[in-house]
Amino acid sequence: MVFEQTKRRALIVYLKNPRQAKQLRRFGIVNYVSTKMKYASIYMNEADITTKKTVIERLSFVDHVIESQWPDVDTTVGSDSQDATAFTVDDHELGNVPATEEEL
């Protein structure tokens, strides 16, 4: 038995009133609801994103919908390319140098 990972993506749904966020459960897994900023994030299969996004946008309590850009972001840190920046840390940033009276 081979495990196959399904491609998933999040939709960020901005709501007019966050009380109706429970109704979004029928479209996917509601991961987070912010009542203060009036948005909810929903995870669903990437194959269903286009059809479900259009249905969610038509709901009366939805302001607008944005697709998450996370799968498109390059998550590799550091590379062998020439435009990679070398980060250095000075001794005074680490706190190894005692503070002068002027700094206190």
Protein backbone atom coordinates (compact mmCIF):
# COMPACT_ATOMS: atom_id res chain seq x y z
CA MET A 1 0.00 0.00 0.00
CA VAL A 2 1.52 3.29 -1.15
CA PHE A 3 0.64 6.57 0.50
CA GLU A 4 -0.24 9.28 -1.98
CA GLN A 5 -0.22 12.83 -0.73
CA THR A 6 -3.09 14.92 -2.12
CA LYS A 7 -2.30 18.46 -3.16
CA ARG A 8 -4.02 20.91 -0.82
CA ARG A 9 -4.31 24.67 -0.84
CA ALA A 10 -5.83 27.25 1.44
CA LEU A 11 -8.43 29.84 0.60
CA ILE A 12 -8.58 33.01 2.68
CA VAL A 13 -12.20 34.09 2.85
CA TYR A 14 -12.94 37.63 4.04
CA LEU A 15 -16.33 37.79 5.71
CA LYS A 16 -18.85 40.56 6.26
CA ASN A 17 -19.88 38.94 9.53
CA PRO A 18 -17.75 36.20 11.16
CA ARG A 19 -20.76 34.45 12.70
CA GLN A 20 -21.44 32.69 9.41
CA ALA A 21 -17.96 31.11 9.34
CA LYS A 22 -19.46 27.78 10.44
CA GLN A 23 -21.25 27.53 7.11
CA LEU A 24 -17.88 27.32 5.34
CA ARG A 25 -17.28 23.82 6.78
CA ARG A 26 -19.12 22.22 3.85
CA PHE A 27 -16.42 23.44 1.43
CA GLY A 28 -13.37 22.13 3.28
CA ILE A 29 -11.55 22.12 6.60
CA VAL A 30 -11.88 25.46 8.37
CA ASN A 31 -8.42 25.91 9.81
CA TYR A 32 -8.72 29.33 11.46
CA VAL A 33 -11.34 32.03 11.98
CA SER A 34 -10.41 35.55 13.03
CA THR A 35 -13.39 37.41 14.43
CA LYS A 36 -11.46 40.65 14.83
CA MET A 37 -10.10 40.80 11.27
CA LYS A 38 -13.16 39.01 9.82
CA TYR A 39 -11.52 36.26 7.79
CA ALA A 40 -11.33 32.47 7.74
CA SER A 41 -8.82 30.10 6.17
CA ILE A 42 -10.14 26.92 4.57
CA TYR A 43 -8.05 23.96 3.36
CA MET A 44 -9.32 21.94 0.42
CA ASN A 45 -8.06 19.79 -2.43
CA GLU A 46 -6.29 21.79 -5.11
CA ALA A 47 -8.34 20.14 -7.86
CA ASP A 48 -11.56 21.60 -6.41
CA ILE A 49 -10.23 25.11 -5.78
CA THR A 50 -11.62 26.85 -8.87
CA THR A 51 -15.16 25.50 -8.59
CA LYS A 52 -15.46 26.00 -4.85
CA LYS A 53 -13.94 29.47 -5.00
CA THR A 54 -16.65 30.67 -7.38
CA VAL A 55 -19.38 29.17 -5.19
CA ILE A 56 -17.93 30.75 -2.03
CA GLU A 57 -17.65 34.16 -3.70
CA ARG A 58 -21.39 34.08 -4.45
CA LEU A 59 -22.37 33.66 -0.79
CA SER A 60 -24.02 36.73 0.70
CA PHE A 61 -21.83 36.91 3.81
CA VAL A 62 -18.52 36.74 1.88
CA ASP A 63 -16.69 39.95 1.04
CA HIS A 64 -13.91 38.48 -1.17
CA VAL A 65 -11.77 35.35 -1.52
CA ILE A 66 -8.00 35.00 -2.01
CA GLU A 67 -6.03 31.85 -2.87
CA SER A 68 -3.02 31.10 -0.68
CA GLN A 69 0.31 31.56 -2.43
CA TRP A 70 2.18 29.17 -0.13
CA PRO A 71 2.56 26.23 -2.57
CA ASP A 72 4.10 28.59 -5.13
CA VAL A 73 6.73 30.02 -2.75
CA ASP A 74 10.26 28.63 -2.96
CA THR A 75 11.00 27.38 0.55
CA THR A 76 14.65 26.50 0.06
CA VAL A 77 16.91 28.60 2.24
CA GLY A 78 20.35 29.37 0.94
CA SER A 79 21.61 28.42 -2.45
CA ASP A 80 24.79 28.22 -4.46
CA SER A 81 23.75 31.04 -6.75
CA GLN A 82 25.80 34.24 -6.97
CA ASP A 83 23.03 36.51 -5.75
CA ALA A 84 22.82 34.72 -2.39
CA THR A 85 23.57 37.04 0.51
CA ALA A 86 26.05 36.02 3.19
CA PHE A 87 24.80 36.96 6.65
CA THR A 88 27.33 37.96 9.28
CA VAL A 89 26.93 38.75 12.95
CA ASP A 90 29.18 41.26 14.70
CA ASP A 91 30.43 40.76 18.26
CA HIS A 92 28.46 43.71 19.62
CA GLU A 93 25.24 42.17 18.23
CA LEU A 94 25.87 38.99 20.21
CA GLY A 95 26.37 40.86 23.45
CA ASN A 96 29.97 39.73 24.00
CA VAL A 97 31.24 43.29 24.11
CA PRO A 98 30.56 45.13 27.38
CA ALA A 99 28.38 48.21 27.07
CA THR A 100 29.95 51.64 27.41
CA GLU A 101 28.63 54.29 29.78
CA GLU A 102 27.19 56.23 26.84
CA GLU A 103 25.02 53.28 25.83
CA LEU A 104 23.65 52.90 29.36
